[in-house]
N, C-alpha and C. Protein backbone atom coordinates (compact mmCIF):
# COMPACT_ATOMS: atom_id res chain seq x y z
N MET A 1 111.78 101.22 178.07
CA MET A 1 110.43 101.72 178.26
C MET A 1 110.30 103.06 177.53
N ALA A 2 109.32 103.19 176.70
CA ALA A 2 109.11 104.41 175.95
C ALA A 2 108.41 105.46 176.82
N THR A 3 108.81 106.72 176.61
CA THR A 3 108.14 107.79 177.35
C THR A 3 106.82 108.09 176.67
N GLU A 4 105.84 108.44 177.46
CA GLU A 4 104.53 108.73 176.90
C GLU A 4 104.49 110.14 176.33
N GLN A 5 104.00 110.25 175.12
CA GLN A 5 103.84 111.54 174.46
C GLN A 5 102.43 112.04 174.72
N PRO A 6 102.26 113.35 174.93
CA PRO A 6 100.90 113.86 175.10
C PRO A 6 100.11 113.65 173.82
N GLU A 7 98.84 113.36 173.96
CA GLU A 7 98.00 113.11 172.79
C GLU A 7 97.77 114.42 172.05
N ILE A 8 98.01 114.40 170.74
CA ILE A 8 97.87 115.59 169.91
C ILE A 8 96.59 115.47 169.10
N HIS A 9 95.75 116.49 169.18
CA HIS A 9 94.53 116.53 168.38
C HIS A 9 94.82 117.38 167.15
N LEU A 10 94.81 116.76 165.99
CA LEU A 10 95.18 117.47 164.77
C LEU A 10 94.27 118.66 164.47
N ALA A 11 93.04 118.62 164.95
CA ALA A 11 92.14 119.74 164.74
C ALA A 11 92.63 120.99 165.47
N GLU A 12 93.48 120.79 166.49
CA GLU A 12 93.99 121.91 167.27
C GLU A 12 95.32 122.43 166.76
N VAL A 13 95.95 121.72 165.83
CA VAL A 13 97.26 122.11 165.31
C VAL A 13 97.07 123.17 164.24
N GLN A 14 97.84 124.26 164.34
CA GLN A 14 97.79 125.29 163.30
C GLN A 14 98.95 125.04 162.35
N PHE A 15 98.62 124.77 161.09
CA PHE A 15 99.62 124.50 160.08
C PHE A 15 99.92 125.76 159.28
N LEU A 16 101.19 125.92 158.91
CA LEU A 16 101.63 127.05 158.11
C LEU A 16 102.16 126.56 156.77
N THR A 17 102.03 127.39 155.75
CA THR A 17 102.63 127.07 154.45
C THR A 17 104.12 127.36 154.51
N VAL A 18 104.84 126.87 153.53
CA VAL A 18 106.28 127.13 153.46
C VAL A 18 106.52 128.64 153.34
N ALA A 19 105.71 129.33 152.57
CA ALA A 19 105.85 130.78 152.42
C ALA A 19 105.62 131.50 153.75
N GLU A 20 104.64 131.05 154.53
CA GLU A 20 104.38 131.66 155.83
C GLU A 20 105.53 131.42 156.80
N VAL A 21 106.08 130.20 156.77
CA VAL A 21 107.23 129.88 157.63
C VAL A 21 108.42 130.75 157.23
N ALA A 22 108.66 130.88 155.93
CA ALA A 22 109.78 131.69 155.45
C ALA A 22 109.63 133.14 155.90
N ALA A 23 108.43 133.68 155.81
CA ALA A 23 108.19 135.05 156.25
C ALA A 23 108.38 135.19 157.75
N MET A 24 107.91 134.22 158.49
CA MET A 24 108.01 134.23 159.94
C MET A 24 109.48 134.19 160.39
N MET A 25 110.29 133.39 159.69
CA MET A 25 111.69 133.22 160.04
C MET A 25 112.59 134.23 159.32
N ARG A 26 112.03 134.97 158.37
CA ARG A 26 112.77 135.93 157.54
C ARG A 26 113.91 135.26 156.78
N VAL A 27 113.55 134.14 156.14
CA VAL A 27 114.48 133.41 155.27
C VAL A 27 113.76 133.11 153.96
N SER A 28 114.47 132.53 153.01
CA SER A 28 113.84 132.17 151.74
C SER A 28 113.04 130.88 151.88
N LYS A 29 112.14 130.67 150.92
CA LYS A 29 111.37 129.42 150.91
C LYS A 29 112.31 128.23 150.72
N MET A 30 113.38 128.40 149.94
CA MET A 30 114.33 127.32 149.72
C MET A 30 114.98 126.90 151.04
N THR A 31 115.27 127.85 151.91
CA THR A 31 115.84 127.52 153.22
C THR A 31 114.87 126.66 154.02
N VAL A 32 113.59 126.99 153.96
CA VAL A 32 112.58 126.20 154.67
C VAL A 32 112.52 124.80 154.08
N TYR A 33 112.54 124.69 152.75
CA TYR A 33 112.54 123.37 152.12
C TYR A 33 113.76 122.55 152.55
N ARG A 34 114.92 123.19 152.66
CA ARG A 34 116.13 122.49 153.10
C ARG A 34 115.96 121.98 154.53
N LEU A 35 115.37 122.79 155.40
CA LEU A 35 115.15 122.38 156.79
C LEU A 35 114.18 121.20 156.85
N VAL A 36 113.15 121.24 156.03
CA VAL A 36 112.16 120.16 156.00
C VAL A 36 112.80 118.88 155.46
N HIS A 37 113.46 118.97 154.32
CA HIS A 37 114.06 117.78 153.70
C HIS A 37 115.22 117.23 154.54
N GLY A 38 115.88 118.10 155.29
CA GLY A 38 116.99 117.67 156.14
C GLY A 38 116.53 117.10 157.48
N GLY A 39 115.21 117.14 157.73
CA GLY A 39 114.68 116.59 158.96
C GLY A 39 114.78 117.51 160.17
N GLU A 40 115.23 118.74 159.98
CA GLU A 40 115.35 119.67 161.09
C GLU A 40 114.02 120.32 161.45
N LEU A 41 113.11 120.35 160.50
CA LEU A 41 111.79 120.96 160.71
C LEU A 41 110.73 119.97 160.24
N PRO A 42 109.92 119.45 161.17
CA PRO A 42 108.90 118.48 160.77
C PRO A 42 107.81 119.13 159.93
N ALA A 43 107.28 118.37 158.99
CA ALA A 43 106.22 118.89 158.12
C ALA A 43 105.35 117.74 157.64
N ALA A 44 104.13 118.10 157.28
CA ALA A 44 103.20 117.12 156.71
C ALA A 44 103.09 117.42 155.22
N ARG A 45 103.14 116.38 154.42
CA ARG A 45 103.00 116.56 152.98
C ARG A 45 101.52 116.52 152.63
N VAL A 46 101.08 117.54 151.89
CA VAL A 46 99.69 117.62 151.43
C VAL A 46 99.76 117.77 149.92
N GLY A 47 99.50 116.68 149.22
CA GLY A 47 99.66 116.71 147.77
C GLY A 47 101.12 116.92 147.43
N ARG A 48 101.42 117.99 146.70
CA ARG A 48 102.81 118.30 146.35
C ARG A 48 103.41 119.37 147.24
N SER A 49 102.67 119.84 148.23
CA SER A 49 103.18 120.89 149.10
C SER A 49 103.34 120.41 150.53
N PHE A 50 103.97 121.22 151.35
CA PHE A 50 104.20 120.90 152.75
C PHE A 50 103.45 121.86 153.64
N ARG A 51 103.06 121.37 154.81
CA ARG A 51 102.48 122.20 155.86
C ARG A 51 103.27 121.94 157.12
N VAL A 52 103.66 123.02 157.80
CA VAL A 52 104.51 122.92 158.97
C VAL A 52 103.72 123.37 160.19
N PRO A 53 103.70 122.56 161.26
CA PRO A 53 103.00 122.99 162.47
C PRO A 53 103.66 124.23 163.07
N ARG A 54 102.86 125.21 163.47
CA ARG A 54 103.39 126.44 164.06
C ARG A 54 104.30 126.14 165.25
N THR A 55 103.90 125.16 166.08
CA THR A 55 104.71 124.83 167.25
C THR A 55 106.08 124.31 166.86
N ALA A 56 106.18 123.62 165.71
CA ALA A 56 107.47 123.11 165.25
C ALA A 56 108.39 124.27 164.88
N VAL A 57 107.84 125.31 164.26
CA VAL A 57 108.64 126.48 163.91
C VAL A 57 109.11 127.18 165.18
N GLU A 58 108.20 127.36 166.13
CA GLU A 58 108.55 128.01 167.38
C GLU A 58 109.62 127.22 168.14
N ASP A 59 109.47 125.89 168.17
CA ASP A 59 110.46 125.04 168.84
C ASP A 59 111.82 125.13 168.15
N TYR A 60 111.82 125.12 166.82
CA TYR A 60 113.06 125.21 166.08
C TYR A 60 113.77 126.53 166.38
N LEU A 61 113.03 127.64 166.34
CA LEU A 61 113.63 128.94 166.60
C LEU A 61 114.14 129.04 168.04
N ARG A 62 113.38 128.47 168.96
CA ARG A 62 113.79 128.48 170.37
C ARG A 62 115.10 127.71 170.56
N SER A 63 115.22 126.56 169.91
CA SER A 63 116.43 125.73 170.06
C SER A 63 117.61 126.30 169.30
N ALA A 64 117.35 127.06 168.24
CA ALA A 64 118.43 127.62 167.43
C ALA A 64 118.93 128.95 167.98
N TYR A 65 118.21 129.53 168.92
CA TYR A 65 118.56 130.84 169.46
C TYR A 65 119.77 130.74 170.38
N PHE A 66 120.67 131.69 170.25
CA PHE A 66 121.77 131.78 171.20
C PHE A 66 122.07 133.26 171.46
N ASP A 67 122.58 133.53 172.63
CA ASP A 67 122.89 134.89 173.04
C ASP A 67 124.32 135.22 172.62
N ALA A 68 124.46 136.14 171.67
CA ALA A 68 125.78 136.48 171.16
C ALA A 68 126.49 137.49 172.05
N GLY A 69 125.81 137.99 173.06
CA GLY A 69 126.41 139.04 173.91
C GLY A 69 127.06 138.48 175.05
């Protein structure tokens, strides 16, 4: 039995460019492209560029965070 996913309204999703994601994460654009192509960061392809949902970036950072102390 599949779990039900909440319905997502695309009009409510805030999409970021690769450059915006890179700035937000303080990494290079190439690092963002690697995350997208590697399937670690979901993205929508628009023409030849990608758009990443803000929530996907926040979820990725939340899951990648660890306390080094």
